[in-house]
Amino acid sequence: MTHVITDACVDEKDASCMEECPVDCIYEGGSRMYIHPGECIDCGLCAEVCPNGAAVALRLLDPAAAAVHGPANDAFFTQVLPGRQAPLGSPGGASRLGPLDADPS
């Protein structure tokens, strides 16, 4: 199971989570951060350092919240984002891409 970034991060993008992530799986979108579900090792460091509690283990969310945040997070990697030709897929690390000024619709 992976971690997700909830709505508490919208327009915040503190980036403490990115700095602590040992596998570089937290990507910066236009208005928030996204955790790659296939790259996350579920270590929980992002949740420990997040100043507003936005990083949360998906398994700890109630079912209704998980049904929203899981697919919304995954869409960043599976949908074609504005200004791109193809989905991100699994880029193998956020630092390779840098910030992307796009969010899934």
N, C-alpha and C. Protein backbone atom coordinates (compact mmCIF):
# COMPACT_ATOMS: atom_id res chain seq x y z
N MET A 1 0.85 -1.18 0.00
CA MET A 1 0.00 0.00 0.00
C MET A 1 0.89 1.24 0.00
N THR A 2 0.38 2.29 -0.52
CA THR A 2 1.16 3.50 -0.71
C THR A 2 0.62 4.65 0.13
N HIS A 3 1.31 5.74 0.07
CA HIS A 3 0.85 6.98 0.69
C HIS A 3 0.28 7.88 -0.40
N VAL A 4 -0.57 8.79 -0.02
CA VAL A 4 -1.14 9.77 -0.93
C VAL A 4 -1.05 11.14 -0.29
N ILE A 5 -1.17 12.16 -1.12
CA ILE A 5 -1.23 13.53 -0.64
C ILE A 5 -2.68 13.98 -0.75
N THR A 6 -3.26 14.39 0.35
CA THR A 6 -4.67 14.78 0.37
C THR A 6 -4.85 16.25 0.00
N ASP A 7 -6.09 16.69 0.01
CA ASP A 7 -6.42 18.07 -0.36
C ASP A 7 -5.79 19.11 0.56
N ALA A 8 -5.30 18.69 1.71
CA ALA A 8 -4.66 19.64 2.63
C ALA A 8 -3.39 20.23 2.02
N CYS A 9 -2.92 19.68 0.92
CA CYS A 9 -1.71 20.17 0.26
C CYS A 9 -2.01 21.13 -0.89
N VAL A 10 -3.25 21.22 -1.33
CA VAL A 10 -3.57 22.05 -2.50
C VAL A 10 -3.08 23.47 -2.28
N ASP A 11 -2.30 23.93 -3.22
CA ASP A 11 -1.70 25.26 -3.22
C ASP A 11 -0.72 25.51 -2.07
N GLU A 12 -0.33 24.47 -1.35
CA GLU A 12 0.65 24.61 -0.26
C GLU A 12 2.04 24.24 -0.76
N LYS A 13 2.21 23.01 -1.21
CA LYS A 13 3.45 22.49 -1.74
C LYS A 13 4.67 22.85 -0.89
N ASP A 14 4.62 22.48 0.36
CA ASP A 14 5.70 22.75 1.31
C ASP A 14 7.01 22.09 0.89
N ALA A 15 6.97 20.92 0.32
CA ALA A 15 8.11 20.15 -0.19
C ALA A 15 8.95 19.47 0.88
N SER A 16 8.57 19.56 2.15
CA SER A 16 9.30 18.81 3.18
C SER A 16 9.26 17.32 2.87
N CYS A 17 8.13 16.87 2.37
CA CYS A 17 7.97 15.45 2.04
C CYS A 17 8.95 15.03 0.95
N MET A 18 9.13 15.87 -0.05
CA MET A 18 10.04 15.55 -1.15
C MET A 18 11.48 15.42 -0.65
N GLU A 19 11.85 16.30 0.26
CA GLU A 19 13.21 16.29 0.78
C GLU A 19 13.51 15.04 1.59
N GLU A 20 12.49 14.49 2.26
CA GLU A 20 12.69 13.31 3.11
C GLU A 20 12.52 11.98 2.37
N CYS A 21 11.87 11.98 1.24
CA CYS A 21 11.57 10.73 0.54
C CYS A 21 12.85 10.04 0.08
N PRO A 22 13.11 8.82 0.58
CA PRO A 22 14.36 8.14 0.23
C PRO A 22 14.36 7.57 -1.19
N VAL A 23 13.19 7.47 -1.84
CA VAL A 23 13.14 6.89 -3.18
C VAL A 23 12.71 7.90 -4.24
N ASP A 24 12.60 9.19 -3.87
CA ASP A 24 12.30 10.25 -4.84
C ASP A 24 11.00 9.99 -5.60
N CYS A 25 9.95 9.59 -4.86
CA CYS A 25 8.69 9.23 -5.53
C CYS A 25 7.60 10.29 -5.38
N ILE A 26 7.93 11.47 -4.87
CA ILE A 26 6.93 12.53 -4.69
C ILE A 26 7.16 13.58 -5.75
N TYR A 27 6.16 13.73 -6.62
CA TYR A 27 6.25 14.60 -7.78
C TYR A 27 5.45 15.88 -7.55
N GLU A 28 5.94 16.97 -8.09
CA GLU A 28 5.27 18.25 -7.94
C GLU A 28 4.44 18.56 -9.17
N GLY A 29 3.14 18.74 -8.94
CA GLY A 29 2.24 19.14 -10.00
C GLY A 29 1.99 20.63 -9.96
N GLY A 30 0.96 21.07 -10.66
CA GLY A 30 0.67 22.49 -10.72
C GLY A 30 0.21 23.08 -9.41
N SER A 31 -0.64 22.35 -8.68
CA SER A 31 -1.19 22.90 -7.44
C SER A 31 -0.94 22.02 -6.21
N ARG A 32 -0.30 20.88 -6.40
CA ARG A 32 -0.09 19.96 -5.28
C ARG A 32 1.00 18.96 -5.59
N MET A 33 1.28 18.09 -4.64
CA MET A 33 2.25 17.01 -4.79
C MET A 33 1.50 15.70 -5.03
N TYR A 34 2.18 14.75 -5.66
CA TYR A 34 1.61 13.43 -5.95
C TYR A 34 2.66 12.38 -5.65
N ILE A 35 2.22 11.26 -5.05
CA ILE A 35 3.13 10.17 -4.72
C ILE A 35 2.90 9.04 -5.71
N HIS A 36 3.98 8.62 -6.37
CA HIS A 36 3.86 7.56 -7.36
C HIS A 36 3.58 6.24 -6.64
N PRO A 37 2.43 5.59 -6.95
CA PRO A 37 2.05 4.38 -6.21
C PRO A 37 2.98 3.20 -6.45
N GLY A 38 3.63 3.14 -7.58
CA GLY A 38 4.54 2.03 -7.85
C GLY A 38 5.96 2.26 -7.35
N GLU A 39 6.29 3.50 -7.05
CA GLU A 39 7.63 3.83 -6.58
C GLU A 39 7.70 3.99 -5.06
N CYS A 40 6.57 4.28 -4.43
CA CYS A 40 6.52 4.47 -2.98
C CYS A 40 6.81 3.15 -2.26
N ILE A 41 7.68 3.21 -1.26
CA ILE A 41 8.01 2.01 -0.48
C ILE A 41 7.27 1.99 0.85
N ASP A 42 6.34 2.92 1.04
CA ASP A 42 5.49 2.96 2.22
C ASP A 42 6.29 3.11 3.52
N CYS A 43 7.34 3.92 3.46
CA CYS A 43 8.19 4.11 4.64
C CYS A 43 7.55 5.07 5.64
N GLY A 44 6.69 5.98 5.17
CA GLY A 44 6.00 6.90 6.06
C GLY A 44 6.75 8.17 6.41
N LEU A 45 7.95 8.36 5.88
CA LEU A 45 8.70 9.58 6.21
C LEU A 45 7.97 10.84 5.75
N CYS A 46 7.28 10.77 4.62
CA CYS A 46 6.54 11.94 4.14
C CYS A 46 5.48 12.36 5.14
N ALA A 47 4.78 11.38 5.70
CA ALA A 47 3.74 11.68 6.68
C ALA A 47 4.32 12.27 7.97
N GLU A 48 5.49 11.80 8.34
CA GLU A 48 6.13 12.29 9.56
C GLU A 48 6.53 13.76 9.46
N VAL A 49 6.95 14.21 8.29
CA VAL A 49 7.46 15.58 8.16
C VAL A 49 6.45 16.56 7.58
N CYS A 50 5.33 16.09 7.09
CA CYS A 50 4.34 16.98 6.46
C CYS A 50 3.75 17.93 7.51
N PRO A 51 3.94 19.24 7.34
CA PRO A 51 3.48 20.18 8.35
C PRO A 51 1.96 20.33 8.45
N ASN A 52 1.24 19.94 7.40
CA ASN A 52 -0.22 20.10 7.46
C ASN A 52 -0.97 18.78 7.41
N GLY A 53 -0.27 17.67 7.58
CA GLY A 53 -0.92 16.36 7.63
C GLY A 53 -1.49 15.88 6.31
N ALA A 54 -0.99 16.40 5.21
CA ALA A 54 -1.52 16.03 3.89
C ALA A 54 -1.04 14.68 3.41
N ALA A 55 0.15 14.26 3.80
CA ALA A 55 0.67 12.96 3.40
C ALA A 55 0.14 11.91 4.37
N VAL A 56 -0.56 10.92 3.80
CA VAL A 56 -1.24 9.92 4.63
C VAL A 56 -1.15 8.56 3.95
N ALA A 57 -0.98 7.51 4.74
CA ALA A 57 -1.05 6.16 4.19
C ALA A 57 -2.47 5.91 3.70
N LEU A 58 -2.59 5.47 2.47
CA LEU A 58 -3.91 5.25 1.88
C LEU A 58 -4.74 4.30 2.75
N ARG A 59 -4.11 3.33 3.35
CA ARG A 59 -4.83 2.35 4.17
C ARG A 59 -5.42 2.96 5.45
N LEU A 60 -4.91 4.14 5.85
CA LEU A 60 -5.41 4.79 7.07
C LEU A 60 -6.60 5.71 6.82
N LEU A 61 -6.87 6.00 5.56
CA LEU A 61 -8.02 6.86 5.24
C LEU A 61 -9.31 6.06 5.33
N ASP A 62 -10.40 6.74 5.67
CA ASP A 62 -11.67 6.04 5.66
C ASP A 62 -11.98 5.67 4.21
N PRO A 63 -12.83 4.66 3.98
CA PRO A 63 -13.07 4.18 2.61
C PRO A 63 -13.53 5.26 1.63
N ALA A 64 -14.34 6.19 2.07
CA ALA A 64 -14.81 7.25 1.17
C ALA A 64 -13.65 8.16 0.75
N ALA A 65 -12.80 8.53 1.69
CA ALA A 65 -11.65 9.38 1.37
C ALA A 65 -10.64 8.62 0.50
N ALA A 66 -10.42 7.35 0.80
CA ALA A 66 -9.50 6.54 -0.01
C ALA A 66 -10.00 6.42 -1.44
N ALA A 67 -11.31 6.31 -1.61
CA ALA A 67 -11.89 6.19 -2.95
C ALA A 67 -11.71 7.47 -3.77
N VAL A 68 -11.51 8.59 -3.09
CA VAL A 68 -11.27 9.87 -3.78
C VAL A 68 -9.77 10.09 -3.99
N HIS A 69 -9.00 9.99 -2.92
CA HIS A 69 -7.58 10.36 -2.98
C HIS A 69 -6.71 9.36 -3.73
N GLY A 70 -7.01 8.09 -3.63
CA GLY A 70 -6.22 7.09 -4.36
C GLY A 70 -6.29 7.31 -5.87
N PRO A 71 -7.49 7.30 -6.46
CA PRO A 71 -7.59 7.54 -7.90
C PRO A 71 -7.12 8.92 -8.34
N ALA A 72 -7.36 9.95 -7.53
CA ALA A 72 -6.91 11.30 -7.89
C ALA A 72 -5.39 11.35 -7.94
N ASN A 73 -4.73 10.71 -7.00
CA ASN A 73 -3.27 10.65 -6.99
C ASN A 73 -2.76 9.86 -8.20
N ASP A 74 -3.35 8.71 -8.46
CA ASP A 74 -2.92 7.86 -9.57
C ASP A 74 -3.10 8.53 -10.92
N ALA A 75 -4.13 9.36 -11.04
CA ALA A 75 -4.42 10.03 -12.31
C ALA A 75 -3.26 10.90 -12.78
N PHE A 76 -2.48 11.44 -11.86
CA PHE A 76 -1.33 12.26 -12.23
C PHE A 76 -0.34 11.46 -13.09
N PHE A 77 -0.29 10.17 -12.87
CA PHE A 77 0.66 9.31 -13.58
C PHE A 77 0.03 8.56 -14.75
N THR A 78 -1.29 8.41 -14.75
CA THR A 78 -1.94 7.61 -15.79
C THR A 78 -2.68 8.42 -16.85
N GLN A 79 -3.05 9.65 -16.54
CA GLN A 79 -3.73 10.50 -17.52
C GLN A 79 -2.70 11.33 -18.29
N VAL A 80 -3.07 11.74 -19.48
CA VAL A 80 -2.24 12.69 -20.23
C VAL A 80 -2.49 14.06 -19.61
N LEU A 81 -1.46 14.64 -19.03
CA LEU A 81 -1.58 15.94 -18.37
C LEU A 81 -1.56 17.05 -19.41
N PRO A 82 -2.18 18.18 -19.10
CA PRO A 82 -2.15 19.31 -20.02
C PRO A 82 -0.71 19.67 -20.40
N GLY A 83 -0.48 19.88 -21.69
CA GLY A 83 0.83 20.25 -22.18
C GLY A 83 1.76 19.08 -22.44
N ARG A 84 1.28 17.85 -22.24
CA ARG A 84 2.11 16.66 -22.46
C ARG A 84 1.48 15.80 -23.54
N GLN A 85 2.27 14.95 -24.14
CA GLN A 85 1.81 14.07 -25.22
C GLN A 85 1.38 12.68 -24.74
N ALA A 86 1.86 12.29 -23.57
CA ALA A 86 1.58 10.94 -23.06
C ALA A 86 1.55 10.99 -21.54
N PRO A 87 0.96 9.97 -20.90
CA PRO A 87 0.98 9.91 -19.44
C PRO A 87 2.42 9.82 -18.92
N LEU A 88 2.64 10.27 -17.68
CA LEU A 88 3.98 10.18 -17.08
C LEU A 88 4.42 8.74 -16.90
N GLY A 89 3.48 7.87 -16.54
CA GLY A 89 3.86 6.49 -16.27
C GLY A 89 4.74 6.43 -15.04
N SER A 90 5.85 5.71 -15.14
CA SER A 90 6.78 5.58 -14.03
C SER A 90 8.13 6.15 -14.45
N PRO A 91 8.34 7.45 -14.21
CA PRO A 91 9.58 8.10 -14.64
C PRO A 91 10.82 7.66 -13.88
N GLY A 92 10.65 7.01 -12.74
CA GLY A 92 11.81 6.54 -11.99
C GLY A 92 12.46 7.59 -11.11
N GLY A 93 11.69 8.58 -10.69
CA GLY A 93 12.20 9.59 -9.78
C GLY A 93 11.76 10.98 -10.16
N ALA A 94 11.30 11.72 -9.17
CA ALA A 94 10.78 13.06 -9.39
C ALA A 94 11.87 14.05 -9.78
N SER A 95 13.07 13.88 -9.25
CA SER A 95 14.13 14.85 -9.53
C SER A 95 14.52 14.86 -11.01
N ARG A 96 14.27 13.76 -11.71
CA ARG A 96 14.54 13.70 -13.15
C ARG A 96 13.65 14.65 -13.93
N LEU A 97 12.43 14.86 -13.43
CA LEU A 97 11.45 15.69 -14.15
C LEU A 97 11.43 17.13 -13.68
N GLY A 98 11.62 17.32 -12.40
CA GLY A 98 11.42 18.64 -11.83
C GLY A 98 9.93 18.94 -11.73
N PRO A 99 9.59 20.15 -11.32
CA PRO A 99 8.17 20.51 -11.17
C PRO A 99 7.45 20.49 -12.52
N LEU A 100 6.23 20.02 -12.49
CA LEU A 100 5.37 20.05 -13.68
C LEU A 100 4.23 21.00 -13.39
N ASP A 101 3.97 21.90 -14.28
CA ASP A 101 2.91 22.89 -14.06
C ASP A 101 1.59 22.34 -14.60
N ALA A 102 1.19 21.19 -14.08
CA ALA A 102 -0.04 20.54 -14.55
C ALA A 102 -0.59 19.63 -13.47
N ASP A 103 -1.89 19.49 -13.49
CA ASP A 103 -2.61 18.57 -12.61
C ASP A 103 -3.61 17.80 -13.47
N PRO A 104 -3.96 16.57 -13.07
CA PRO A 104 -4.99 15.86 -13.83
C PRO A 104 -6.34 16.56 -13.72
N SER A 105 -7.17 16.36 -14.71
CA SER A 105 -8.48 17.00 -14.68
C SER A 105 -9.46 16.25 -13.83
